[in-house]
Amino acid sequence: MLVLVRHAHSDYGPDEMRALSEPGHRAAQRVADLLEDRGVAMIVSSPYTRAVQTVQPLADRLGVSIAVDSDLRERHLSAGPLDDFQRWLEATWSDFDLAYPGGESSAAAQERVSRAICRIVKSAGDRTVVVSSHGNALALFLRTIDPTVDFRFWSRMSVPDVYAVEVPREAPWSYRRIYEPESC
């Protein structure tokens, strides 16, 4: 079994070093509550601080170390800030080859993240593995399983979010959402 975790809410700052906010830390505990009894034997994370911190409570409870894989990092959209991030990002979901200056196309990011996840699943064998990453990266990967995953799917993902992926040897992979965000 593969479990995909989108990081919890983070404070603002340099992208790679953004730490979880107080609500993000509380949500990371909820992720650990959800996954603690699922037989997790391996945890692999994006190197970004918020992704590691999201699965740290789970790792602590299970006594499992977190391996870091740089190919699980978030997709870099452009070299500089964009005036309307959502609009620019949505365009890349319509044209998978579109890459802004200094950025990565949806096709390139999807290939990078998919290659990493397949490598991780192979190394895990029959063990349950948790992969902690980012919304855009994970949505692009989920699109390889379900071609209906699109910009709207990404925009509705919660922070954090958790998906269980069935990885049978001789059948297509499938997934289901297993996280329910707290209501007001």
Foldseek 3Di string as FASTA:
>chain_A
DEKEKAFFDFDDDPFQETARDPVRLVVLVVVLVLCLPVQADAEEEANRRRQCSSPVVNCVSVVYDYHYDNLQEDWFQEPDDDPDVLVSVQVLQVPQCDGYHVGDGLVRNLVSLLVVVVVVCVVCDPGYYYYGHHLSSVLSVVCVQPVVRTSVNSVPQHRIWMKDWDDDPPDGIDIDTDDDDDDD
